[in-house]
Every structure is written in C-alpha cells, then in structure tokens.
C-alpha cells in the first residue's frame, strides 16, 4: 500500500475515532483501533501501542488478526 494512502486512511480513522468519543452514534474505540492498525507499520508510536495491546489482550488481538487478514485480501483484490 502506498505510504501516502496508508497515512491518509489511518489519520482519517483516528480523527473519526476522536470524534466518535464525543458523539454517541460513532464507535470511537473501533475507529481508533482500525487507525492504529493501519498506521502501525509507518508511525512508531502506533506500532508501540499495538504491541502493548497485543501483549495485554491476546484473545482480542487474535480476533483482530483475522480481521486484518480479511482486509488485506480485500485490498489486494480491489487495488491489486
């Protein structure tokens, strides 16, 4: 994935997550988590946060890993 696209999508999800913390109609934590997953390879801060989350909540991270694999397959089908 292009670095610019990764940063753009990641920061959009982070912004939606922050907005979602204040608005009851958005799932803020979910958007923050997705933004963290997208930005982790590019931004060291998010990589460290994802590493901490992985060790603190391994059962949740296994479910997230399945979601990551599905999203990567979808992205490869869509964007080559």
C-alpha atoms as a PDB file:
ATOM      1  CA  UNK A   1       0.000   0.000   0.000  1.00  0.00           C
ATOM      2  CA  UNK A   2       1.287   3.414  -0.869  1.00  0.00           C
ATOM      3  CA  UNK A   3       2.634   5.305   2.143  1.00  0.00           C
ATOM      4  CA  UNK A   4       0.541   8.380   1.390  1.00  0.00           C
ATOM      5  CA  UNK A   5      -2.674   6.352   1.140  1.00  0.00           C
ATOM      6  CA  UNK A   6      -1.824   4.488   4.352  1.00  0.00           C
ATOM      7  CA  UNK A   7      -1.253   7.750   6.229  1.00  0.00           C
ATOM      8  CA  UNK A   8      -4.391   9.322   4.795  1.00  0.00           C
ATOM      9  CA  UNK A   9      -6.640   6.376   5.697  1.00  0.00           C
ATOM     10  CA  UNK A  10      -5.026   5.929   9.109  1.00  0.00           C
ATOM     11  CA  UNK A  11      -5.402   9.547  10.118  1.00  0.00           C
ATOM     12  CA  UNK A  12      -8.993   9.663   8.834  1.00  0.00           C
ATOM     13  CA  UNK A  13      -9.834   6.685  11.061  1.00  0.00           C
ATOM     14  CA  UNK A  14      -8.028   8.274  14.023  1.00  0.00           C
ATOM     15  CA  UNK A  15      -9.982  11.519  13.501  1.00  0.00           C
ATOM     16  CA  UNK A  16     -13.264   9.596  13.283  1.00  0.00           C
ATOM     17  CA  UNK A  17     -12.305   7.776  16.471  1.00  0.00           C
ATOM     18  CA  UNK A  18     -11.689  11.005  18.345  1.00  0.00           C
ATOM     19  CA  UNK A  19     -14.977  12.431  17.073  1.00  0.00           C
ATOM     20  CA  UNK A  20     -16.670   9.151  17.977  1.00  0.00           C
ATOM     21  CA  UNK A  21     -15.558   9.511  21.578  1.00  0.00           C
ATOM     22  CA  UNK A  22     -17.835  12.538  21.848  1.00  0.00           C
ATOM     23  CA  UNK A  23     -20.712  11.524  19.565  1.00  0.00           C
ATOM     24  CA  UNK A  24     -22.880   8.588  20.601  1.00  0.00           C
ATOM     25  CA  UNK A  25     -23.620   7.494  17.009  1.00  0.00           C
ATOM     26  CA  UNK A  26     -19.995   6.613  16.129  1.00  0.00           C
ATOM     27  CA  UNK A  27     -17.970   3.763  17.608  1.00  0.00           C
ATOM     28  CA  UNK A  28     -14.905   5.762  18.623  1.00  0.00           C
ATOM     29  CA  UNK A  29     -12.845   2.900  20.008  1.00  0.00           C
ATOM     30  CA  UNK A  30     -13.340   0.834  16.867  1.00  0.00           C
ATOM     31  CA  UNK A  31     -12.177   3.669  14.607  1.00  0.00           C
ATOM     32  CA  UNK A  32      -9.174   4.333  16.851  1.00  0.00           C
ATOM     33  CA  UNK A  33      -8.229   0.661  16.741  1.00  0.00           C
ATOM     34  CA  UNK A  34      -8.512   0.454  12.940  1.00  0.00           C
ATOM     35  CA  UNK A  35      -6.499   3.659  12.548  1.00  0.00           C
ATOM     36  CA  UNK A  36      -3.830   2.250  14.853  1.00  0.00           C
ATOM     37  CA  UNK A  37      -3.620  -0.956  12.821  1.00  0.00           C
ATOM     38  CA  UNK A  38      -3.258   0.991   9.585  1.00  0.00           C
ATOM     39  CA  UNK A  39      -0.619   3.396  10.928  1.00  0.00           C
ATOM     40  CA  UNK A  40       1.412   0.896  12.992  1.00  0.00           C
ATOM     41  CA  UNK A  41       3.919  -0.008  10.233  1.00  0.00           C
ATOM     42  CA  UNK A  42       4.584   3.662   9.408  1.00  0.00           C
ATOM     43  CA  UNK A  43       4.364   5.530  12.737  1.00  0.00           C
ATOM     44  CA  UNK A  44       6.473   4.207  15.661  1.00  0.00           C
ATOM     45  CA  UNK A  45       4.056   5.483  18.323  1.00  0.00           C
ATOM     46  CA  UNK A  46       1.176   3.446  16.912  1.00  0.00           C
ATOM     47  CA  UNK A  47       3.440   0.434  16.471  1.00  0.00           C
ATOM     48  CA  UNK A  48       4.297   0.551  20.186  1.00  0.00           C
ATOM     49  CA  UNK A  49       0.643   0.943  21.154  1.00  0.00           C
ATOM     50  CA  UNK A  50      -0.321  -2.035  19.020  1.00  0.00           C
ATOM     51  CA  UNK A  51       2.488  -4.090  20.576  1.00  0.00           C
ATOM     52  CA  UNK A  52       1.263  -3.221  24.097  1.00  0.00           C
ATOM     53  CA  UNK A  53      -2.300  -4.092  23.160  1.00  0.00           C
ATOM     54  CA  UNK A  54      -1.150  -7.415  21.701  1.00  0.00           C
ATOM     55  CA  UNK A  55       0.517  -8.455  24.953  1.00  0.00           C
ATOM     56  CA  UNK A  56      -2.162  -7.127  27.290  1.00  0.00           C
ATOM     57  CA  UNK A  57      -5.174  -8.592  25.452  1.00  0.00           C
ATOM     58  CA  UNK A  58      -4.015 -11.578  23.360  1.00  0.00           C
ATOM     59  CA  UNK A  59      -7.512 -13.072  22.919  1.00  0.00           C
ATOM     60  CA  UNK A  60      -8.846  -9.848  21.412  1.00  0.00           C
ATOM     61  CA  UNK A  61      -5.805  -9.495  19.207  1.00  0.00           C
ATOM     62  CA  UNK A  62      -6.386 -12.941  17.699  1.00  0.00           C
ATOM     63  CA  UNK A  63      -9.801 -11.771  16.529  1.00  0.00           C
ATOM     64  CA  UNK A  64      -8.246  -8.587  15.188  1.00  0.00           C
ATOM     65  CA  UNK A  65      -5.619 -10.609  13.325  1.00  0.00           C
ATOM     66  CA  UNK A  66      -8.388 -12.434  11.453  1.00  0.00           C
ATOM     67  CA  UNK A  67      -9.911  -9.083  10.542  1.00  0.00           C
ATOM     68  CA  UNK A  68      -6.534  -7.818   9.299  1.00  0.00           C
ATOM     69  CA  UNK A  69      -6.081 -10.856   7.048  1.00  0.00           C
ATOM     70  CA  UNK A  70      -9.551 -10.405   5.572  1.00  0.00           C
ATOM     71  CA  UNK A  71      -8.985  -6.714   4.947  1.00  0.00           C
ATOM     72  CA  UNK A  72      -5.628  -7.386   3.263  1.00  0.00           C
ATOM     73  CA  UNK A  73      -7.219  -9.955   0.956  1.00  0.00           C
ATOM     74  CA  UNK A  74      -9.969  -7.478   0.123  1.00  0.00           C
ATOM     75  CA  UNK A  75      -7.443  -4.685  -0.543  1.00  0.00           C
ATOM     76  CA  UNK A  76      -5.396  -6.958  -2.819  1.00  0.00           C
ATOM     77  CA  UNK A  77      -8.491  -7.897  -4.801  1.00  0.00           C
ATOM     78  CA  UNK A  78      -9.581  -4.272  -5.082  1.00  0.00           C
ATOM     79  CA  UNK A  79      -6.324  -2.434  -5.675  1.00  0.00           C
ATOM     80  CA  UNK A  80      -4.045  -5.202  -6.933  1.00  0.00           C
END
